[in-house]
Amino acid sequence: MAGEKRTEAYDLSLFDSSEAAQMSGNDKKSKKKKKSGKIISISQGSSAKAQRRKRNPITIATVAILTIIVSAVAIMMVQNYANLNEINEQITAKNKEYAVLQNEQAQYQLKIDSKLTDTFVKNYAETKLDMVPAKKAQKKFISLSNGDKGEVLGSGKDNSVFDTIIEAFSGAFL
């Protein structure tokens, strides 16, 4: 006890207004006794222990893991939002490029259609290629068949479902 530093603590309930009103002037002797009896001495080491909070390592680990998970989810959401915006910009650019190419294709098709009229093709064939239109005597129509014909390919025997499955597997393993 001689080596320990001691501190004193005071009971603050003595300064309460409700208790002061109850005490009268006649109780001065009992007041002094109460004051001296309410002083408590606490050693230095025990006051430091009382002030320190006890920390549970499981709670600390749980909070740390939850913080990491929430942070990871938030980072992934931001990253995915950025990726989505970038892809949307690319889609918009490609749609604009597609519209421009469609307009060019329509313009080229109009130019081609305007230049390739029937009279232009006929004149080109006659002048450049030395071709002449076919006469009625040169035209002969032929018939390729008297009707539609169909031919069934197969062995002619009726195979059950099991036979078909067995043939499929035996063909696969050969």
Protein backbone atom coordinates (compact mmCIF):
# COMPACT_ATOMS: atom_id res chain seq x y z
CA MET A 1 0.00 0.00 0.00
CA ALA A 2 2.90 2.33 0.62
CA GLY A 3 4.12 2.15 -3.02
CA GLU A 4 0.67 2.68 -4.61
CA LYS A 5 -0.59 6.13 -5.47
CA ARG A 6 -4.05 6.75 -4.19
CA THR A 7 -6.62 9.12 -5.49
CA GLU A 8 -9.81 10.20 -3.84
CA ALA A 9 -13.26 10.41 -5.31
CA TYR A 10 -16.12 12.46 -3.95
CA ASP A 11 -19.73 11.54 -3.76
CA LEU A 12 -21.53 14.15 -5.84
CA SER A 13 -24.94 13.17 -4.52
CA LEU A 14 -24.27 15.43 -1.53
CA PHE A 15 -24.61 18.43 -3.81
CA ASP A 16 -28.06 17.44 -4.97
CA SER A 17 -30.62 20.16 -4.28
CA SER A 18 -33.23 17.68 -3.05
CA GLU A 19 -30.96 16.35 -0.30
CA ALA A 20 -29.81 19.85 0.70
CA ALA A 21 -33.42 20.96 1.25
CA GLN A 22 -34.09 18.00 3.52
CA MET A 23 -31.15 18.75 5.77
CA SER A 24 -31.74 21.35 8.43
CA GLY A 25 -29.34 23.49 10.38
CA ASN A 26 -29.57 21.11 13.37
CA ASP A 27 -28.04 18.28 11.41
CA LYS A 28 -24.63 19.89 10.90
CA LYS A 29 -22.93 17.23 13.02
CA SER A 30 -24.51 14.37 11.06
CA LYS A 31 -23.60 16.24 7.84
CA LYS A 32 -19.93 16.20 8.73
CA LYS A 33 -20.13 12.51 9.56
CA LYS A 34 -21.82 11.79 6.24
CA LYS A 35 -19.21 13.72 4.29
CA SER A 36 -16.34 11.90 5.87
CA GLY A 37 -18.04 8.55 5.37
CA LYS A 38 -18.73 9.14 1.68
CA ILE A 39 -15.17 9.76 0.57
CA ILE A 40 -13.92 6.73 -1.27
CA SER A 41 -10.32 6.08 -2.16
CA ILE A 42 -9.51 4.13 -5.34
CA SER A 43 -6.06 2.88 -6.27
CA GLN A 44 -4.46 4.07 -9.54
CA GLY A 45 -4.46 0.64 -11.22
CA SER A 46 -8.11 -0.16 -10.53
CA SER A 47 -9.31 3.24 -11.80
CA ALA A 48 -7.50 2.65 -15.12
CA LYS A 49 -9.14 -0.79 -15.35
CA ALA A 50 -12.57 0.66 -14.67
CA GLN A 51 -12.12 3.31 -17.36
CA ARG A 52 -10.96 0.84 -20.06
CA ARG A 53 -13.64 -0.81 -22.23
CA LYS A 54 -13.43 -4.50 -22.72
CA ARG A 55 -13.28 -5.32 -26.42
CA ASN A 56 -14.53 -8.61 -27.78
CA PRO A 57 -12.28 -9.89 -30.61
CA ILE A 58 -15.19 -11.70 -32.30
CA THR A 59 -17.20 -8.48 -32.45
CA ILE A 60 -14.22 -6.58 -33.83
CA ALA A 61 -13.63 -9.25 -36.48
CA THR A 62 -17.32 -9.32 -37.42
CA VAL A 63 -17.48 -5.54 -37.80
CA ALA A 64 -14.28 -5.55 -39.86
CA ILE A 65 -15.56 -8.29 -42.17
CA LEU A 66 -18.92 -6.55 -42.62
CA THR A 67 -17.15 -3.27 -43.37
CA ILE A 68 -15.00 -4.99 -46.00
CA ILE A 69 -18.05 -6.66 -47.58
CA VAL A 70 -20.04 -3.42 -47.71
CA SER A 71 -17.06 -1.57 -49.16
CA ALA A 72 -16.51 -4.29 -51.79
CA VAL A 73 -20.17 -4.21 -52.81
CA ALA A 74 -20.11 -0.41 -53.07
CA ILE A 75 -16.93 -0.49 -55.17
CA MET A 76 -18.41 -3.17 -57.45
CA MET A 77 -21.59 -1.14 -57.89
CA VAL A 78 -19.63 1.96 -58.88
CA GLN A 79 -17.42 -0.04 -61.25
CA ASN A 80 -20.42 -1.74 -62.88
CA TYR A 81 -22.17 1.62 -63.25
CA ALA A 82 -19.08 3.01 -64.99
CA ASN A 83 -18.88 -0.05 -67.27
CA LEU A 84 -22.58 0.26 -68.08
CA ASN A 85 -22.18 3.92 -69.00
CA GLU A 86 -19.19 3.12 -71.22
CA ILE A 87 -21.09 0.34 -73.00
CA ASN A 88 -24.11 2.61 -73.46
CA GLU A 89 -21.88 5.24 -75.04
CA GLN A 90 -20.42 2.61 -77.39
CA ILE A 91 -23.93 1.43 -78.34
CA THR A 92 -25.00 5.01 -79.03
CA ALA A 93 -21.93 5.60 -81.20
CA LYS A 94 -22.52 2.36 -83.14
CA ASN A 95 -26.20 3.23 -83.65
CA LYS A 96 -25.21 6.62 -85.07
CA GLU A 97 -22.65 4.96 -87.35
CA TYR A 98 -25.28 2.42 -88.44
CA ALA A 99 -27.75 5.20 -89.29
CA VAL A 100 -25.09 7.01 -91.35
CA LEU A 101 -24.25 3.79 -93.23
CA GLN A 102 -27.92 3.11 -93.91
CA ASN A 103 -28.29 6.62 -95.39
CA GLU A 104 -25.22 6.07 -97.58
CA GLN A 105 -26.56 2.71 -98.71
CA ALA A 106 -29.90 4.28 -99.65
CA GLN A 107 -28.11 7.04 -101.60
CA TYR A 108 -25.97 4.53 -103.48
CA GLN A 109 -28.99 2.35 -104.24
CA LEU A 110 -30.79 5.41 -105.70
CA LYS A 111 -27.78 6.20 -107.87
CA ILE A 112 -27.58 2.61 -109.07
CA ASP A 113 -31.31 2.46 -109.81
CA SER A 114 -31.20 5.75 -111.70
CA LYS A 115 -28.28 4.62 -113.87
CA LEU A 116 -29.46 1.07 -114.57
CA THR A 117 -32.75 1.59 -116.35
CA ASP A 118 -34.04 -1.02 -118.82
CA THR A 119 -33.24 1.20 -121.79
CA PHE A 120 -29.72 1.86 -120.50
CA VAL A 121 -29.06 -1.88 -120.06
CA LYS A 122 -30.51 -2.63 -123.53
CA ASN A 123 -28.43 0.11 -125.19
CA TYR A 124 -25.27 -1.01 -123.37
CA ALA A 125 -25.81 -4.64 -124.43
CA GLU A 126 -26.38 -3.66 -128.05
CA THR A 127 -23.52 -1.15 -128.37
CA LYS A 128 -20.76 -2.42 -126.12
CA LEU A 129 -21.42 -6.16 -126.07
CA ASP A 130 -22.85 -6.56 -129.58
CA MET A 131 -25.94 -8.37 -128.32
CA VAL A 132 -29.36 -8.42 -129.96
CA PRO A 133 -32.75 -9.15 -128.45
CA ALA A 134 -34.01 -12.71 -128.86
CA LYS A 135 -36.64 -13.35 -131.52
CA LYS A 136 -39.76 -15.45 -131.06
CA ALA A 137 -38.33 -18.20 -133.23
CA GLN A 138 -35.32 -18.48 -130.95
CA LYS A 139 -37.42 -19.04 -127.86
CA LYS A 140 -38.32 -22.62 -127.00
CA PHE A 141 -40.00 -23.68 -123.79
CA ILE A 142 -39.27 -27.07 -122.33
CA SER A 143 -40.86 -29.03 -119.53
CA LEU A 144 -38.54 -30.51 -116.98
CA SER A 145 -41.01 -32.83 -115.28
CA ASN A 146 -44.63 -33.80 -115.48
CA GLY A 147 -45.16 -33.09 -111.81
CA ASP A 148 -43.54 -33.09 -108.46
CA LYS A 149 -41.76 -36.28 -107.63
CA GLY A 150 -40.62 -37.41 -104.24
CA GLU A 151 -38.44 -40.30 -103.24
CA VAL A 152 -38.22 -41.81 -99.77
CA LEU A 153 -34.72 -42.65 -98.66
CA GLY A 154 -34.30 -45.37 -96.12
CA SER A 155 -34.17 -49.09 -95.53
CA GLY A 156 -37.91 -49.69 -95.78
CA LYS A 157 -38.20 -51.49 -92.46
CA ASP A 158 -39.91 -49.93 -89.45
CA ASN A 159 -37.45 -49.08 -86.68
CA SER A 160 -38.56 -48.65 -83.11
CA VAL A 161 -37.29 -45.86 -80.91
CA PHE A 162 -34.93 -48.25 -79.15
CA ASP A 163 -33.45 -49.45 -82.45
CA THR A 164 -32.79 -45.83 -83.47
CA ILE A 165 -31.07 -45.10 -80.16
CA ILE A 166 -28.94 -48.24 -80.42
CA GLU A 167 -27.94 -47.37 -84.00
CA ALA A 168 -27.03 -43.82 -82.94
CA PHE A 169 -24.78 -45.06 -80.12
CA SER A 170 -23.21 -47.82 -82.16
CA GLY A 171 -22.42 -45.34 -84.93
CA ALA A 172 -20.94 -42.90 -82.44
CA PHE A 173 -18.53 -45.44 -80.95
CA LEU A 174 -17.31 -46.97 -84.22
